[in-house]
Amino acid sequence: MARANKSIYSALAANLLIAITKFVAGAFTNSSSMIAEGIHSTVDTSNQLLLLYGLKRSVKPADKYRPFGYGKELYFWSFIVSIMIFGLGGVVSITQGIEHIRHPETLVNPGWNYVVLVLSFIFEGASLIVAIKEFNKTRNGLPWWKAIIKSKDPSGFLVLFEDGAAVMGLIIVFVLMVLSHNLNMPFLDGLASVLVGLLLIFVSFILARESRSLLMGEGLSPETQQKLKELIEADKDVITVKSILSTYQSPKEVILVLIITFQSDLDTEELTAAIERLRREVKRKYTIIRFVIIQPQSANIEEGNQSKDIFLA
């Protein structure tokens, strides 16, 4: 999360400055695409603030209302960010672009736009480089797309996608603005706004899909579950692990539920000691697992005897 904060703060500073300069340039030059880019940067600035708010809320300690903590706040606000990119970024840009295609306006003093675009590209590019470096530290050698899919920290890949979309949007606007100016085809400026809007909608769908998956509850990977099963079944009092259930509460917190078949000759004291031993070992081996809930079953349960459930966290 510290790495995510670094990329978020760099993106926040860049987008705030860029949004102001884009709106000023758009007002001086009657450029719809520049106004669209200003809207894009304003939405991105708001998104960084929402992500920082989500990060702050997610580390709030558990209480009687949220016994497992507030970790999912980050996932909720990440989903809200994806919706904002769609609504305030994509839809508004497309609407404004269509209006300027229908009623094109000739650019006035386009030099302002070129200066702003170059400066914006430098700032957005620098922010993107920071986001790439920080995300690269967390992907552990995985391919980029697979690392994004497997990531449980949306604040990292959200900034990565936002900055990437911003750089691509600037390139689109620059190319079509040059063509619009040199070919005297002012409707191309509106077309640039539409293309930027479509780009933002595409990005928002990807981010919404990933954020929704995390918000609905993703569990430990099959590889990690298999290692957990081997670790637990190595205990002398365990016969087999019947079921492993898990869910991420936050990028650094997992709730784990284990249904374990123990040796049938264990008395209550021995069973309690075995559960406590397993709980400590799991949390020692996997520091990301914060809550461990164990439901024991004796070996003869399948013969009709009733088991006694013990939950420890």
Protein backbone atom coordinates (compact mmCIF):
# COMPACT_ATOMS: atom_id res chain seq x y z
CA MET A 1 0.00 0.00 0.00
CA ALA A 2 2.96 2.31 0.61
CA ARG A 3 4.00 1.78 -3.01
CA ALA A 4 0.43 2.45 -4.16
CA ASN A 5 0.39 5.69 -2.14
CA LYS A 6 3.54 6.90 -3.90
CA SER A 7 2.04 6.38 -7.36
CA ILE A 8 -1.29 7.90 -6.27
CA TYR A 9 0.32 11.06 -4.90
CA SER A 10 2.44 11.51 -8.03
CA ALA A 11 -0.65 11.07 -10.22
CA LEU A 12 -2.67 13.46 -8.04
CA ALA A 13 -0.10 16.25 -8.33
CA ALA A 14 0.29 15.78 -12.08
CA ASN A 15 -3.44 15.63 -12.84
CA LEU A 16 -4.32 18.66 -10.72
CA LEU A 17 -1.79 20.90 -12.47
CA ILE A 18 -2.60 19.50 -15.90
CA ALA A 19 -6.38 19.93 -15.46
CA ILE A 20 -5.97 23.64 -14.70
CA THR A 21 -3.71 24.30 -17.68
CA LYS A 22 -5.95 22.31 -20.06
CA PHE A 23 -9.08 24.25 -19.09
CA VAL A 24 -7.25 27.56 -19.50
CA ALA A 25 -5.91 26.54 -22.90
CA GLY A 26 -9.30 25.16 -23.99
CA ALA A 27 -11.01 28.42 -23.05
CA PHE A 28 -8.50 30.49 -25.06
CA THR A 29 -8.57 28.28 -28.16
CA ASN A 30 -12.18 26.99 -28.35
CA SER A 31 -10.84 23.41 -28.45
CA SER A 32 -13.40 20.77 -27.45
CA SER A 33 -10.76 18.06 -27.30
CA MET A 34 -8.70 20.19 -24.91
CA ILE A 35 -11.77 20.73 -22.73
CA ALA A 36 -12.37 16.96 -22.87
CA GLU A 37 -8.80 16.38 -21.78
CA GLY A 38 -9.35 18.88 -18.94
CA ILE A 39 -12.42 16.91 -17.85
CA HIS A 40 -10.36 13.73 -18.06
CA SER A 41 -7.65 15.19 -15.81
CA THR A 42 -10.24 16.55 -13.36
CA VAL A 43 -11.87 13.12 -13.09
CA ASP A 44 -8.46 11.55 -12.59
CA THR A 45 -7.70 14.05 -9.82
CA SER A 46 -10.97 13.18 -8.07
CA ASN A 47 -10.19 9.50 -8.51
CA GLN A 48 -6.85 9.83 -6.74
CA LEU A 49 -8.57 11.54 -3.81
CA LEU A 50 -11.16 8.74 -3.63
CA LEU A 51 -8.44 6.09 -3.71
CA LEU A 52 -6.56 7.82 -0.90
CA TYR A 53 -9.80 8.00 1.09
CA GLY A 54 -10.42 4.30 0.45
CA LEU A 55 -6.90 3.43 1.56
CA LYS A 56 -7.34 5.42 4.74
CA ARG A 57 -10.70 3.80 5.52
CA SER A 58 -9.40 0.29 4.75
CA VAL A 59 -6.87 0.36 7.60
CA LYS A 60 -9.44 1.39 10.20
CA PRO A 61 -9.36 -1.20 13.02
CA ALA A 62 -12.18 -3.70 13.49
CA ASP A 63 -15.02 -2.78 15.82
CA LYS A 64 -18.36 -4.23 16.92
CA TYR A 65 -19.99 -3.10 13.68
CA ARG A 66 -17.28 -4.52 11.40
CA PRO A 67 -15.67 -7.42 13.31
CA PHE A 68 -13.47 -8.33 10.33
CA GLY A 69 -12.31 -4.77 9.76
CA TYR A 70 -12.87 -2.20 7.03
CA GLY A 71 -10.55 -3.62 4.37
CA LYS A 72 -13.23 -3.87 1.69
CA GLU A 73 -13.62 -0.07 1.75
CA LEU A 74 -10.70 0.05 -0.69
CA TYR A 75 -12.50 -2.30 -3.08
CA PHE A 76 -15.71 -0.28 -2.85
CA TRP A 77 -14.05 3.05 -3.62
CA SER A 78 -12.05 1.47 -6.43
CA PHE A 79 -15.33 0.39 -8.01
CA ILE A 80 -16.70 3.92 -7.60
CA VAL A 81 -13.60 5.25 -9.37
CA SER A 82 -14.24 2.97 -12.35
CA ILE A 83 -17.83 4.26 -12.55
CA MET A 84 -16.61 7.87 -12.44
CA ILE A 85 -14.19 7.21 -15.30
CA PHE A 86 -17.14 5.90 -17.32
CA GLY A 87 -19.68 8.58 -16.45
CA LEU A 88 -17.73 11.79 -15.84
CA GLY A 89 -14.85 10.94 -18.15
CA GLY A 90 -16.07 8.84 -21.05
CA VAL A 91 -19.70 9.86 -21.49
CA VAL A 92 -19.10 13.60 -21.00
CA SER A 93 -16.17 13.58 -23.45
CA ILE A 94 -18.20 11.75 -26.11
CA THR A 95 -21.20 14.05 -25.65
CA GLN A 96 -19.07 17.15 -25.99
CA GLY A 97 -17.19 15.70 -28.95
CA ILE A 98 -20.40 14.91 -30.85
CA GLU A 99 -21.62 18.44 -30.23
CA HIS A 100 -18.42 19.90 -31.70
CA ILE A 101 -18.56 17.54 -34.69
CA ARG A 102 -22.07 18.81 -35.43
CA HIS A 103 -21.10 22.44 -34.81
CA PRO A 104 -17.32 22.69 -35.34
CA GLU A 105 -15.47 25.80 -34.21
CA THR A 106 -12.21 26.98 -35.71
CA LEU A 107 -9.26 26.84 -33.34
CA VAL A 108 -7.98 30.19 -32.06
CA ASN A 109 -4.30 30.48 -31.09
CA PRO A 110 -3.68 26.70 -31.29
CA GLY A 111 -0.13 27.24 -30.07
CA TRP A 112 -1.50 27.30 -26.53
CA ASN A 113 -2.83 23.79 -27.01
CA TYR A 114 0.46 22.46 -28.31
CA VAL A 115 2.36 23.88 -25.34
CA VAL A 116 -0.15 22.41 -22.88
CA LEU A 117 -0.13 19.03 -24.62
CA VAL A 118 3.65 18.81 -24.52
CA LEU A 119 3.78 19.78 -20.85
CA SER A 120 0.92 17.41 -20.05
CA PHE A 121 2.67 14.57 -21.85
CA ILE A 122 5.81 15.19 -19.78
CA PHE A 123 3.92 15.27 -16.47
CA GLU A 124 1.62 12.33 -17.30
CA GLY A 125 4.55 10.37 -18.68
CA ALA A 126 6.52 10.93 -15.48
CA SER A 127 3.52 9.82 -13.40
CA LEU A 128 3.08 6.73 -15.62
CA ILE A 129 6.74 5.81 -15.18
CA VAL A 130 6.34 6.01 -11.38
CA ALA A 131 3.20 3.85 -11.55
CA ILE A 132 4.93 1.28 -13.78
CA LYS A 133 7.97 1.07 -11.49
CA GLU A 134 5.84 0.68 -8.36
CA PHE A 135 3.58 -1.95 -9.92
CA ASN A 136 6.59 -3.75 -11.35
CA LYS A 137 7.88 -4.26 -7.79
CA THR A 138 4.72 -6.17 -6.86
CA ARG A 139 4.21 -8.47 -9.85
CA ASN A 140 6.99 -10.91 -8.87
CA GLY A 141 8.00 -11.81 -12.41
CA LEU A 142 4.45 -12.45 -13.65
CA PRO A 143 3.39 -11.17 -17.10
CA TRP A 144 1.78 -7.75 -16.83
CA TRP A 145 -1.80 -8.75 -17.61
CA LYS A 146 -1.65 -11.82 -15.37
CA ALA A 147 -0.22 -9.70 -12.56
CA ILE A 148 -3.14 -7.26 -12.91
CA ILE A 149 -5.68 -10.10 -12.85
CA LYS A 150 -4.06 -11.70 -9.79
CA SER A 151 -3.45 -8.41 -7.94
CA LYS A 152 -5.52 -7.87 -4.81
CA ASP A 153 -4.57 -4.19 -4.52
CA PRO A 154 -6.68 -2.17 -7.00
CA SER A 155 -5.03 1.12 -6.04
CA GLY A 156 -1.90 0.00 -7.90
CA PHE A 157 -3.39 -1.04 -11.22
CA LEU A 158 -6.05 1.70 -11.18
CA VAL A 159 -3.36 4.38 -11.27
CA LEU A 160 -1.48 2.39 -13.91
CA PHE A 161 -4.54 2.24 -16.19
CA GLU A 162 -5.48 5.88 -15.56
CA ASP A 163 -2.02 7.18 -16.40
CA GLY A 164 -1.77 4.90 -19.42
CA ALA A 165 -5.14 6.11 -20.71
CA ALA A 166 -4.08 9.71 -20.09
CA VAL A 167 -0.91 9.33 -22.18
CA MET A 168 -2.79 7.59 -25.00
CA GLY A 169 -5.48 10.27 -24.87
CA LEU A 170 -2.87 13.02 -25.20
CA ILE A 171 -1.38 11.32 -28.25
CA ILE A 172 -4.83 11.05 -29.88
CA VAL A 173 -5.60 14.71 -29.19
CA PHE A 174 -2.21 15.88 -30.43
CA VAL A 175 -2.41 13.96 -33.74
CA LEU A 176 -5.97 15.03 -34.56
CA MET A 177 -5.34 18.61 -33.44
CA VAL A 178 -2.39 18.89 -35.81
CA LEU A 179 -4.52 17.50 -38.65
CA SER A 180 -7.42 19.79 -37.76
CA HIS A 181 -5.16 22.84 -37.79
CA ASN A 182 -3.16 22.05 -40.92
CA LEU A 183 -6.04 20.66 -43.02
CA ASN A 184 -8.56 23.24 -41.79
CA MET A 185 -10.94 20.48 -40.68
CA PRO A 186 -12.21 21.68 -37.26
CA PHE A 187 -14.55 18.68 -36.84
CA LEU A 188 -11.45 16.53 -36.18
CA ASP A 189 -11.12 18.30 -32.85
CA GLY A 190 -14.53 16.94 -31.87
CA LEU A 191 -13.56 13.50 -33.19
CA ALA A 192 -10.54 13.54 -30.86
CA SER A 193 -12.88 14.18 -27.94
CA VAL A 194 -15.06 11.22 -28.95
CA LEU A 195 -12.05 8.90 -29.26
CA VAL A 196 -10.77 9.96 -25.84
CA GLY A 197 -14.21 9.25 -24.40
CA LEU A 198 -14.31 5.78 -25.99
CA LEU A 199 -10.85 5.07 -24.59
CA LEU A 200 -12.00 6.04 -21.09
CA ILE A 201 -15.11 3.86 -21.34
CA PHE A 202 -12.98 0.89 -22.42
CA VAL A 203 -10.63 1.41 -19.46
CA SER A 204 -13.55 1.87 -17.07
CA PHE A 205 -15.03 -1.51 -18.09
CA ILE A 206 -11.73 -3.28 -17.37
CA LEU A 207 -11.32 -1.55 -14.01
CA ALA A 208 -14.97 -2.14 -13.04
CA ARG A 209 -14.61 -5.83 -13.84
CA GLU A 210 -11.52 -6.23 -11.64
CA SER A 211 -12.85 -4.07 -8.80
CA ARG A 212 -16.18 -5.90 -8.82
CA SER A 213 -14.41 -9.25 -8.59
CA LEU A 214 -12.47 -8.08 -5.53
CA LEU A 215 -15.56 -6.53 -3.94
CA MET A 216 -17.55 -9.75 -4.41
CA GLY A 217 -14.78 -11.71 -2.69
CA GLU A 218 -11.72 -13.39 -4.18
CA GLY A 219 -9.97 -16.21 -2.35
CA LEU A 220 -6.47 -17.61 -2.10
CA SER A 221 -5.03 -19.07 -5.27
CA PRO A 222 -5.27 -22.85 -5.87
CA GLU A 223 -1.48 -23.08 -5.47
CA THR A 224 -1.61 -21.43 -2.04
CA GLN A 225 -4.55 -23.61 -1.00
CA GLN A 226 -2.59 -26.74 -1.94
CA LYS A 227 0.40 -25.58 0.13
CA LEU A 228 -1.92 -24.89 3.07
CA LYS A 229 -3.42 -28.37 2.74
CA GLU A 230 0.05 -29.96 2.76
CA LEU A 231 1.11 -27.87 5.75
CA ILE A 232 -1.93 -28.83 7.83
CA GLU A 233 -1.99 -32.49 6.87
CA ALA A 234 1.64 -32.80 7.99
CA ASP A 235 0.41 -32.38 11.58
CA LYS A 236 0.32 -35.64 13.54
CA ASP A 237 -3.25 -35.10 14.76
CA VAL A 238 -4.73 -34.36 11.33
CA ILE A 239 -6.10 -36.98 8.96
CA THR A 240 -7.19 -34.73 6.10
CA VAL A 241 -8.35 -31.23 5.20
CA LYS A 242 -11.93 -31.53 4.01
CA SER A 243 -12.40 -27.96 2.78
CA ILE A 244 -10.54 -24.64 2.50
CA LEU A 245 -12.57 -21.43 2.18
CA SER A 246 -10.98 -17.99 2.01
CA THR A 247 -11.71 -14.40 1.06
CA TYR A 248 -9.62 -11.22 0.83
CA GLN A 249 -10.85 -8.48 3.12
CA SER A 250 -8.12 -6.16 1.84
CA PRO A 251 -4.86 -6.57 -0.08
CA LYS A 252 -3.15 -7.53 3.20
CA GLU A 253 -5.93 -9.37 5.07
CA VAL A 254 -7.43 -12.79 4.40
CA ILE A 255 -10.15 -14.68 6.28
CA LEU A 256 -9.52 -18.44 6.22
CA VAL A 257 -12.03 -21.17 7.10
CA LEU A 258 -10.77 -24.76 7.44
CA ILE A 259 -12.81 -27.91 7.86
CA ILE A 260 -10.40 -30.56 9.15
CA THR A 261 -10.79 -34.22 10.01
CA PHE A 262 -8.81 -34.99 13.18
CA GLN A 263 -7.81 -38.30 14.72
CA SER A 264 -10.80 -39.91 16.43
CA ASP A 265 -8.95 -40.69 19.68
CA LEU A 266 -8.33 -37.02 20.60
CA ASP A 267 -10.04 -35.77 23.73
CA THR A 268 -11.34 -32.20 24.02
CA GLU A 269 -8.11 -30.84 25.53
CA GLU A 270 -5.95 -32.45 22.85
CA LEU A 271 -8.26 -31.26 20.08
CA THR A 272 -8.17 -27.70 21.39
CA ALA A 273 -4.37 -27.81 21.59
CA ALA A 274 -4.14 -29.15 18.01
CA ILE A 275 -6.40 -26.39 16.69
CA GLU A 276 -4.40 -23.70 18.47
CA ARG A 277 -1.15 -25.18 17.15
CA LEU A 278 -2.44 -25.23 13.58
CA ARG A 279 -3.78 -21.70 13.88
CA ARG A 280 -0.39 -20.39 15.01
CA GLU A 281 1.46 -22.29 12.30
CA VAL A 282 -0.79 -21.03 9.50
CA LYS A 283 -0.51 -17.41 10.63
CA ARG A 284 3.26 -17.75 11.06
CA LYS A 285 3.70 -19.20 7.58
CA TYR A 286 1.23 -16.85 5.88
CA THR A 287 1.27 -13.43 7.52
CA ILE A 288 -1.42 -12.21 5.11
CA ILE A 289 -3.95 -14.53 6.81
CA ARG A 290 -5.35 -12.53 9.71
CA PHE A 291 -8.35 -14.62 10.77
CA VAL A 292 -8.30 -18.43 10.96
CA ILE A 293 -11.57 -20.26 11.64
CA ILE A 294 -11.30 -24.03 12.15
CA GLN A 295 -14.19 -26.48 12.18
CA PRO A 296 -12.95 -29.88 13.40
CA GLN A 297 -14.46 -33.23 12.55
CA SER A 298 -13.56 -36.54 14.12
CA ALA A 299 -12.61 -39.44 11.88
CA ASN A 300 -15.82 -41.35 12.65
CA ILE A 301 -18.23 -38.54 11.73
CA GLU A 302 -19.14 -40.29 8.49
CA GLU A 303 -20.42 -43.20 10.58
CA GLY A 304 -23.13 -40.97 12.04
CA ASN A 305 -21.51 -39.54 15.18
CA GLN A 306 -22.06 -35.86 15.78
CA SER A 307 -19.04 -33.52 15.66
CA LYS A 308 -18.38 -30.56 17.85
CA ASP A 309 -17.51 -27.32 16.06
CA ILE A 310 -14.73 -25.17 17.46
CA PHE A 311 -14.02 -21.76 15.97
CA LEU A 312 -10.83 -19.93 16.70
CA ALA A 313 -9.66 -16.70 15.08
